[in-house]
Every structure is written in C-alpha cells, then in structure tokens.
Amino acid sequence: MDGYNTKKTVNFYEGEEITVRLKGEEKYHTFTIVRLIPETNTILTQLGPIQVEDIVRYRSYKGKKASKALSLTFYNFGASWVLFSLGAALVGNPLTWSVAIVGGTSALIGFLIRKIFKQRTYKIGKKRRMRILDLNPVPPPAGTA
C-alpha cells in the first residue's frame, strides 16, 4: 500500500496476517496471505482468492510512535510519583491517598492512550492505493551476458 506523491509505503509479504474491508461489506476480515499473484492482481488466502480492487479499507494495529511515547511518559510519571512518595514516607513524610490516586490516574491515562490509538484505518481510494508488485530480479535473457 502506498500513498500518491509520497515515498512512504506499507509492505505485505506472504505469511503475514492483514485486516481489510471488502467492497459491499461492513465488517473487517482478518486473513493470512498465502500467495500474491501480481499478474492477476490477486491475493490468495486461506478463505479463497481476493482481488486487490475489492479492498476498500485496511486496518493497521501497529501502535503509532507518538501514542507509544506519550503512554510511556504517563506510565513513567505514575511510577516515579509512587516511588518518590514511598521514599519520602521512609524519611518521615506521611503517605496519603493522593499518592495512589495520582499514580493510578497517570497509569490509567497511559493505558487509555495506548488503547484508543492502537489501530489506524486507511481508506483505499483517492489518497492511497494498494497494489501487488513483483520485486524479484528477472534474470537476463540467455546469451546476452
């Protein structure tokens, strides 16, 4: 899958599992790519052949870098808050419920950020296209080397 006027691509290989929505259907299908046939633009799956033109949406479950970094920041803040509060309690400061509330809320926010932004759906059409490319090198014709 690639976008028009961009160098960024998403590559799929045989044996990979992908989630797509097909034309005329409302639910997403997850299947493993058994074979890619570039001549007919067909993806063979364990469910049968699927034409690339029939795919209207692709769903990615790879977390985004920004959401991962932000959720880790919240996790680290919550853990640091609890650890420093426990350290302060060892030297005589009182340990209150606010320690658990701040640490737990921070961890919960980090968890929710990761869950909310865990998937991204790409619409295949004007901005993005899906196509099968055979990138295997073709040997030169006999006698030309």
Protein backbone atom coordinates (compact mmCIF):
# COMPACT_ATOMS: atom_id res chain seq x y z
CA MET A 1 0.00 0.00 0.00
CA ASP A 2 1.34 3.43 -0.85
CA GLY A 3 0.11 6.97 -0.99
CA TYR A 4 0.13 9.20 -4.02
CA ASN A 5 3.00 11.72 -4.04
CA THR A 6 4.75 10.08 -1.09
CA LYS A 7 7.71 7.74 -0.67
CA LYS A 8 6.22 6.04 2.40
CA THR A 9 4.86 2.55 1.74
CA VAL A 10 3.46 -0.34 3.74
CA ASN A 11 4.66 -3.72 2.50
CA PHE A 12 2.84 -7.03 2.91
CA TYR A 13 4.50 -10.39 2.48
CA GLU A 14 3.34 -13.97 2.11
CA GLY A 15 2.57 -15.45 5.51
CA GLU A 16 1.56 -12.08 7.02
CA GLU A 17 -1.82 -11.51 8.58
CA ILE A 18 -3.77 -8.44 7.39
CA THR A 19 -7.18 -6.98 8.20
CA VAL A 20 -9.23 -5.48 5.37
CA ARG A 21 -12.78 -4.48 4.48
CA LEU A 22 -14.08 -5.51 1.07
CA LYS A 23 -16.48 -3.73 -1.29
CA GLY A 24 -20.12 -4.02 -0.26
CA GLU A 25 -19.38 -5.37 3.21
CA GLU A 26 -19.48 -3.66 6.58
CA LYS A 27 -17.26 -5.97 8.63
CA TYR A 28 -13.50 -6.41 8.52
CA HIS A 29 -11.85 -9.70 7.59
CA THR A 30 -8.55 -10.87 9.01
CA PHE A 31 -6.66 -13.44 6.99
CA THR A 32 -3.19 -14.74 6.27
CA ILE A 33 -1.66 -14.09 2.86
CA VAL A 34 -0.86 -17.46 1.30
CA ARG A 35 0.36 -16.19 -2.04
CA LEU A 36 0.50 -12.94 -4.02
CA ILE A 37 -0.14 -13.14 -7.78
CA PRO A 38 0.97 -9.90 -9.48
CA GLU A 39 -0.15 -10.96 -12.99
CA THR A 40 -3.84 -11.06 -11.98
CA ASN A 41 -3.58 -8.65 -9.01
CA THR A 42 -4.90 -11.37 -6.70
CA ILE A 43 -4.22 -12.24 -3.07
CA LEU A 44 -4.65 -15.92 -2.26
CA THR A 45 -5.79 -16.51 1.31
CA GLN A 46 -6.99 -19.49 3.32
CA LEU A 47 -10.53 -18.16 2.64
CA GLY A 48 -10.01 -18.02 -1.12
CA PRO A 49 -8.79 -15.50 -3.70
CA ILE A 50 -9.34 -11.78 -3.17
CA GLN A 51 -8.88 -9.15 -5.86
CA VAL A 52 -6.90 -6.09 -4.76
CA GLU A 53 -9.52 -3.84 -6.38
CA ASP A 54 -12.14 -5.21 -3.94
CA ILE A 55 -10.27 -3.91 -0.87
CA VAL A 56 -11.68 -0.55 0.27
CA ARG A 57 -10.09 -0.22 3.72
CA TYR A 58 -7.02 -1.56 5.50
CA ARG A 59 -6.69 -1.63 9.28
CA SER A 60 -3.26 -1.47 10.92
CA TYR A 61 -2.73 -2.50 14.54
CA LYS A 62 0.79 -1.18 14.79
CA GLY A 63 0.92 1.45 17.50
CA LYS A 64 1.90 4.93 16.50
CA LYS A 65 5.20 6.26 17.77
CA ALA A 66 3.65 9.36 19.34
CA SER A 67 0.97 7.45 21.28
CA LYS A 68 3.51 4.89 22.48
CA ALA A 69 5.86 7.62 23.67
CA LEU A 70 3.07 9.56 25.38
CA SER A 71 1.67 6.49 27.13
CA LEU A 72 5.16 5.51 28.33
CA THR A 73 5.61 9.03 29.66
CA PHE A 74 2.43 8.70 31.71
CA TYR A 75 3.50 5.26 32.97
CA ASN A 76 6.89 6.60 34.00
CA PHE A 77 5.38 9.65 35.69
CA GLY A 78 2.98 7.48 37.72
CA ALA A 79 5.70 5.06 38.75
CA SER A 80 8.08 7.90 39.66
CA TRP A 81 5.40 9.64 41.71
CA VAL A 82 4.74 6.48 43.73
CA LEU A 83 8.44 5.68 44.21
CA PHE A 84 9.38 9.20 45.32
CA SER A 85 6.38 9.29 47.67
CA LEU A 86 7.43 5.96 49.19
CA GLY A 87 10.94 7.33 49.59
CA ALA A 88 9.54 10.43 51.30
CA ALA A 89 7.48 8.20 53.60
CA LEU A 90 10.67 6.44 54.69
CA VAL A 91 12.14 9.73 55.93
CA GLY A 92 9.05 10.76 57.86
CA ASN A 93 6.56 12.39 55.47
CA PRO A 94 3.01 10.99 55.72
CA LEU A 95 1.80 8.66 52.99
CA THR A 96 -1.68 9.74 51.82
CA TRP A 97 -4.25 8.52 49.33
CA SER A 98 -3.18 11.23 46.89
CA VAL A 99 -0.08 9.15 46.11
CA ALA A 100 -2.18 6.23 44.90
CA ILE A 101 -4.67 8.49 43.14
CA VAL A 102 -2.02 10.42 41.17
CA GLY A 103 -0.01 7.30 40.32
CA GLY A 104 -3.09 5.26 39.38
CA THR A 105 -4.64 8.06 37.32
CA SER A 106 -1.41 8.56 35.43
CA ALA A 107 -1.12 4.85 34.66
CA LEU A 108 -4.79 4.73 33.61
CA ILE A 109 -4.34 7.67 31.24
CA GLY A 110 -1.28 6.00 29.71
CA PHE A 111 -3.23 2.75 29.27
CA LEU A 112 -6.21 4.56 27.67
CA ILE A 113 -3.99 6.47 25.26
CA ARG A 114 -2.43 3.23 24.08
CA LYS A 115 -5.83 1.51 23.70
CA ILE A 116 -7.54 4.42 21.93
CA PHE A 117 -4.75 4.92 19.40
CA LYS A 118 -3.83 1.26 18.93
CA GLN A 119 -5.27 0.95 15.44
CA ARG A 120 -5.49 3.06 12.34
CA THR A 121 -7.80 2.53 9.40
CA TYR A 122 -6.63 3.53 5.92
CA LYS A 123 -9.17 4.23 3.20
CA ILE A 124 -8.03 2.94 -0.17
CA GLY A 125 -9.02 5.35 -2.92
CA LYS A 126 -8.06 8.94 -3.73
CA LYS A 127 -5.03 9.27 -1.44
CA ARG A 128 -3.87 5.66 -1.10
CA ARG A 129 -3.69 2.68 -3.38
CA MET A 130 -2.99 -0.97 -2.85
CA ARG A 131 -1.15 -2.90 -5.50
CA ILE A 132 0.92 -6.02 -5.92
CA LEU A 133 4.47 -5.60 -7.16
CA ASP A 134 6.85 -8.38 -8.08
CA LEU A 135 10.27 -7.13 -6.98
CA ASN A 136 12.15 -10.33 -7.76
CA PRO A 137 15.03 -9.66 -10.15
CA VAL A 138 14.44 -11.03 -13.61
CA PRO A 139 17.41 -12.96 -15.00
CA PRO A 140 18.77 -11.58 -18.29
CA PRO A 141 17.85 -13.47 -21.46
CA ALA A 142 20.20 -16.31 -22.37
CA GLY A 143 23.18 -15.28 -24.48
CA THR A 144 23.17 -11.58 -23.58
CA ALA A 145 25.57 -11.75 -20.64
